Amino acid sequence: MKDGIHPEYQETTVSCGCGNSFVTRSTRPELRVDICNQCHPFFTGKLKYVDTAGRIEKFQSKFAAGSYASLQEKKKKKKVPKPAES
């Protein structure tokens, strides 16, 4: 390998949103992840919603009223007659 062109490979601490952390090796000194093997539904067998941008709350608030705006009939505008010119 050529000297000076490769990034330094070092020990890395990986921190998960659930509080789990472990040490591995990478070119970065620290990594933060949203989900890991301790909290991922595939490994735990438990159902967990991964909501990163509030999408679930946005969906629930949109449909909480029981109607969807794009499916509602459009209101017809009343035509106002122009005043007669004398």
Protein backbone atom coordinates (compact mmCIF):
# COMPACT_ATOMS: atom_id res chain seq x y z
CA MET A 1 0.00 0.00 0.00
CA LYS A 2 1.17 3.51 -0.69
CA ASP A 3 1.91 5.68 2.32
CA GLY A 4 -0.21 8.75 3.03
CA ILE A 5 -3.23 8.01 0.78
CA HIS A 6 -5.26 5.70 3.04
CA PRO A 7 -7.37 6.89 5.99
CA GLU A 8 -6.36 5.76 9.45
CA TYR A 9 -8.17 2.60 10.58
CA GLN A 10 -8.93 2.96 14.28
CA GLU A 11 -11.12 1.64 17.10
CA THR A 12 -14.62 3.11 16.93
CA THR A 13 -17.38 3.36 19.53
CA VAL A 14 -20.82 2.77 18.03
CA SER A 15 -23.72 4.25 20.04
CA CYS A 16 -27.35 3.34 19.39
CA GLY A 17 -30.48 5.36 20.18
CA CYS A 18 -31.60 2.61 22.61
CA GLY A 19 -28.50 3.13 24.76
CA ASN A 20 -26.49 0.13 23.55
CA SER A 21 -22.88 0.75 22.57
CA PHE A 22 -20.07 -1.45 21.31
CA VAL A 23 -16.55 -1.11 19.97
CA THR A 24 -15.50 -2.01 16.44
CA ARG A 25 -13.02 -0.64 13.91
CA SER A 26 -13.60 2.06 11.31
CA THR A 27 -12.07 5.17 9.78
CA ARG A 28 -14.28 7.34 12.04
CA PRO A 29 -13.68 7.70 15.79
CA GLU A 30 -17.39 7.58 16.74
CA LEU A 31 -20.61 6.42 15.06
CA ARG A 32 -24.21 7.06 16.13
CA VAL A 33 -26.96 4.81 14.78
CA ASP A 34 -30.76 4.84 15.19
CA ILE A 35 -31.18 1.10 15.53
CA CYS A 36 -28.87 -1.80 16.37
CA ASN A 37 -29.03 -5.57 16.82
CA GLN A 38 -30.28 -5.18 20.43
CA CYS A 39 -33.38 -3.18 19.44
CA HIS A 40 -34.04 -4.20 15.81
CA PRO A 41 -37.38 -6.05 15.41
CA PHE A 42 -35.79 -8.78 13.29
CA PHE A 43 -33.43 -9.80 16.09
CA THR A 44 -35.73 -9.13 19.08
CA GLY A 45 -38.96 -10.55 17.64
CA LYS A 46 -40.89 -7.55 19.00
CA LEU A 47 -42.82 -5.07 16.88
CA LYS A 48 -41.29 -1.61 17.00
CA TYR A 49 -42.11 1.40 14.86
CA VAL A 50 -39.00 3.23 13.72
CA ASP A 51 -40.15 6.81 13.36
CA THR A 52 -37.34 9.15 12.41
CA ALA A 53 -39.19 12.20 11.16
CA GLY A 54 -42.53 12.11 12.96
CA ARG A 55 -44.19 10.40 10.01
CA ILE A 56 -46.44 8.22 12.17
CA GLU A 57 -47.83 11.16 14.14
CA LYS A 58 -48.30 13.12 10.92
CA PHE A 59 -50.24 10.22 9.37
CA GLN A 60 -52.40 9.73 12.46
CA SER A 61 -53.21 13.43 12.76
CA LYS A 62 -54.12 13.60 9.05
CA PHE A 63 -56.61 10.75 9.31
CA ALA A 64 -57.83 11.48 12.87
CA ALA A 65 -60.65 13.69 11.58
CA GLY A 66 -62.07 10.72 9.66
CA SER A 67 -61.94 12.46 6.30
CA TYR A 68 -59.27 12.95 3.74
CA ALA A 69 -59.15 16.40 2.15
CA SER A 70 -58.44 15.26 -1.40
CA LEU A 71 -61.45 12.91 -1.38
CA GLN A 72 -63.93 15.59 -0.33
CA GLU A 73 -66.17 17.21 -2.92
CA LYS A 74 -64.97 20.56 -4.05
CA LYS A 75 -67.17 23.47 -3.03
CA LYS A 76 -68.64 25.37 -5.94
CA LYS A 77 -68.00 29.06 -6.01
CA LYS A 78 -71.03 31.31 -6.21
CA LYS A 79 -71.02 33.57 -9.22
CA VAL A 80 -71.64 37.16 -8.31
CA PRO A 81 -73.54 38.99 -11.09
CA LYS A 82 -71.84 42.08 -12.39
CA PRO A 83 -73.67 45.33 -11.73
CA ALA A 84 -75.51 46.63 -14.81
CA GLU A 85 -73.89 49.58 -16.48
CA SER A 86 -76.14 52.59 -17.13
